[in-house]
Amino acid sequence: MNTVEQGQTDIVIDVKKKPDKTKQKYSIEKLRAHCRKLFGVSSNAFDGATVGLQGEFTKDEMAQIIKVWSGKPVKKKKGGK
């Protein structure tokens, strides 16, 4: 245990780090609501990129998911033109 001599005072400063906004996670629903502003994609494109995903993601993680998804070729239907 630390002791304080007479005449000294302990000054405790509670410095709380501000959360790193790039590390903050958001629900898919919240990211979808702002997908045009955040990622420059429509809600339809966002839905396509996130099919089957659940949970929370950072903005950077979601941007990477959309980037990878948008680079995939479109599958043609059999017998279609």
C-alpha atoms as a PDB file:
ATOM      1  CA  MET A   1       0.000   0.000   0.000  1.00  0.00           C
ATOM      2  CA  ASN A   2       1.338   3.417  -0.904  1.00  0.00           C
ATOM      3  CA  THR A   3       1.543   6.008   1.829  1.00  0.00           C
ATOM      4  CA  VAL A   4       1.268   9.748   1.475  1.00  0.00           C
ATOM      5  CA  GLU A   5       3.492  11.965   3.566  1.00  0.00           C
ATOM      6  CA  GLN A   6       1.947  14.876   5.393  1.00  0.00           C
ATOM      7  CA  GLY A   7       1.478  17.847   3.091  1.00  0.00           C
ATOM      8  CA  GLN A   8       1.349  15.752  -0.061  1.00  0.00           C
ATOM      9  CA  THR A   9      -1.821  15.028  -1.866  1.00  0.00           C
ATOM     10  CA  ASP A  10      -2.602  12.376  -4.335  1.00  0.00           C
ATOM     11  CA  ILE A  11      -4.145  13.697  -7.482  1.00  0.00           C
ATOM     12  CA  VAL A  12      -5.940  11.046  -9.433  1.00  0.00           C
ATOM     13  CA  ILE A  13      -6.940  11.975 -12.916  1.00  0.00           C
ATOM     14  CA  ASP A  14      -9.387   9.689 -14.567  1.00  0.00           C
ATOM     15  CA  VAL A  15      -8.538   9.916 -18.221  1.00  0.00           C
ATOM     16  CA  LYS A  16     -10.890   7.865 -20.293  1.00  0.00           C
ATOM     17  CA  LYS A  17      -9.854   7.134 -23.812  1.00  0.00           C
ATOM     18  CA  LYS A  18     -12.380   8.121 -26.383  1.00  0.00           C
ATOM     19  CA  PRO A  19     -13.462   5.065 -28.323  1.00  0.00           C
ATOM     20  CA  ASP A  20     -11.731   4.696 -31.657  1.00  0.00           C
ATOM     21  CA  LYS A  21     -14.552   5.266 -34.130  1.00  0.00           C
ATOM     22  CA  THR A  22     -12.905   2.980 -36.671  1.00  0.00           C
ATOM     23  CA  LYS A  23     -13.035   0.132 -34.143  1.00  0.00           C
ATOM     24  CA  GLN A  24     -16.605   0.705 -32.996  1.00  0.00           C
ATOM     25  CA  LYS A  25     -18.962  -2.029 -34.153  1.00  0.00           C
ATOM     26  CA  TYR A  26     -22.445  -1.453 -35.508  1.00  0.00           C
ATOM     27  CA  SER A  27     -25.344  -3.749 -36.317  1.00  0.00           C
ATOM     28  CA  ILE A  28     -25.930  -4.641 -39.946  1.00  0.00           C
ATOM     29  CA  GLU A  29     -29.267  -2.823 -39.753  1.00  0.00           C
ATOM     30  CA  LYS A  30     -27.617   0.428 -38.649  1.00  0.00           C
ATOM     31  CA  LEU A  31     -24.919   0.168 -41.329  1.00  0.00           C
ATOM     32  CA  ARG A  32     -27.604  -0.568 -43.936  1.00  0.00           C
ATOM     33  CA  ALA A  33     -29.577   2.521 -42.918  1.00  0.00           C
ATOM     34  CA  HIS A  34     -26.542   4.658 -43.829  1.00  0.00           C
ATOM     35  CA  CYS A  35     -24.996   2.506 -46.576  1.00  0.00           C
ATOM     36  CA  ARG A  36     -25.187   5.191 -49.279  1.00  0.00           C
ATOM     37  CA  LYS A  37     -23.370   7.756 -47.145  1.00  0.00           C
ATOM     38  CA  LEU A  38     -20.851   5.330 -45.605  1.00  0.00           C
ATOM     39  CA  PHE A  39     -20.036   3.036 -48.522  1.00  0.00           C
ATOM     40  CA  GLY A  40     -21.516   4.672 -51.606  1.00  0.00           C
ATOM     41  CA  VAL A  41     -23.778   1.720 -52.370  1.00  0.00           C
ATOM     42  CA  SER A  42     -27.542   1.294 -52.594  1.00  0.00           C
ATOM     43  CA  SER A  43     -29.462  -0.693 -50.004  1.00  0.00           C
ATOM     44  CA  ASN A  44     -29.951  -3.411 -52.644  1.00  0.00           C
ATOM     45  CA  ALA A  45     -26.197  -3.728 -53.155  1.00  0.00           C
ATOM     46  CA  PHE A  46     -25.673  -3.700 -49.395  1.00  0.00           C
ATOM     47  CA  ASP A  47     -28.242  -6.491 -49.010  1.00  0.00           C
ATOM     48  CA  GLY A  48     -26.476  -8.557 -51.653  1.00  0.00           C
ATOM     49  CA  ALA A  49     -23.100  -8.119 -49.976  1.00  0.00           C
ATOM     50  CA  THR A  50     -24.407  -9.055 -46.547  1.00  0.00           C
ATOM     51  CA  VAL A  51     -26.599 -12.063 -47.365  1.00  0.00           C
ATOM     52  CA  GLY A  52     -26.258 -14.550 -44.519  1.00  0.00           C
ATOM     53  CA  LEU A  53     -24.185 -12.249 -42.301  1.00  0.00           C
ATOM     54  CA  GLN A  54     -25.148 -11.663 -38.688  1.00  0.00           C
ATOM     55  CA  GLY A  55     -23.672  -9.702 -35.837  1.00  0.00           C
ATOM     56  CA  GLU A  56     -21.856  -6.410 -35.673  1.00  0.00           C
ATOM     57  CA  PHE A  57     -19.099  -5.016 -37.869  1.00  0.00           C
ATOM     58  CA  THR A  58     -16.815  -2.006 -37.935  1.00  0.00           C
ATOM     59  CA  LYS A  59     -17.145   0.426 -40.826  1.00  0.00           C
ATOM     60  CA  ASP A  60     -13.796  -0.791 -42.173  1.00  0.00           C
ATOM     61  CA  GLU A  61     -14.833  -4.453 -41.983  1.00  0.00           C
ATOM     62  CA  MET A  62     -18.083  -3.745 -43.820  1.00  0.00           C
ATOM     63  CA  ALA A  63     -16.321  -1.671 -46.474  1.00  0.00           C
ATOM     64  CA  GLN A  64     -14.003  -4.645 -47.114  1.00  0.00           C
ATOM     65  CA  ILE A  65     -16.941  -7.077 -47.292  1.00  0.00           C
ATOM     66  CA  ILE A  66     -18.687  -4.848 -49.857  1.00  0.00           C
ATOM     67  CA  LYS A  67     -15.478  -4.393 -51.852  1.00  0.00           C
ATOM     68  CA  VAL A  68     -14.857  -8.134 -52.072  1.00  0.00           C
ATOM     69  CA  TRP A  69     -18.497  -8.854 -52.892  1.00  0.00           C
ATOM     70  CA  SER A  70     -18.656  -6.233 -55.635  1.00  0.00           C
ATOM     71  CA  GLY A  71     -15.630  -7.773 -57.317  1.00  0.00           C
ATOM     72  CA  LYS A  72     -17.376 -11.109 -57.827  1.00  0.00           C
ATOM     73  CA  PRO A  73     -18.636 -11.856 -61.345  1.00  0.00           C
ATOM     74  CA  VAL A  74     -22.372 -12.120 -61.931  1.00  0.00           C
ATOM     75  CA  LYS A  75     -23.594 -15.690 -62.359  1.00  0.00           C
ATOM     76  CA  LYS A  76     -25.609 -16.295 -65.496  1.00  0.00           C
ATOM     77  CA  LYS A  77     -28.724 -18.417 -65.366  1.00  0.00           C
ATOM     78  CA  LYS A  78     -28.650 -21.636 -67.337  1.00  0.00           C
ATOM     79  CA  GLY A  79     -30.437 -21.250 -70.611  1.00  0.00           C
ATOM     80  CA  GLY A  80     -30.607 -17.479 -70.187  1.00  0.00           C
ATOM     81  CA  LYS A  81     -29.345 -14.925 -72.605  1.00  0.00           C
END
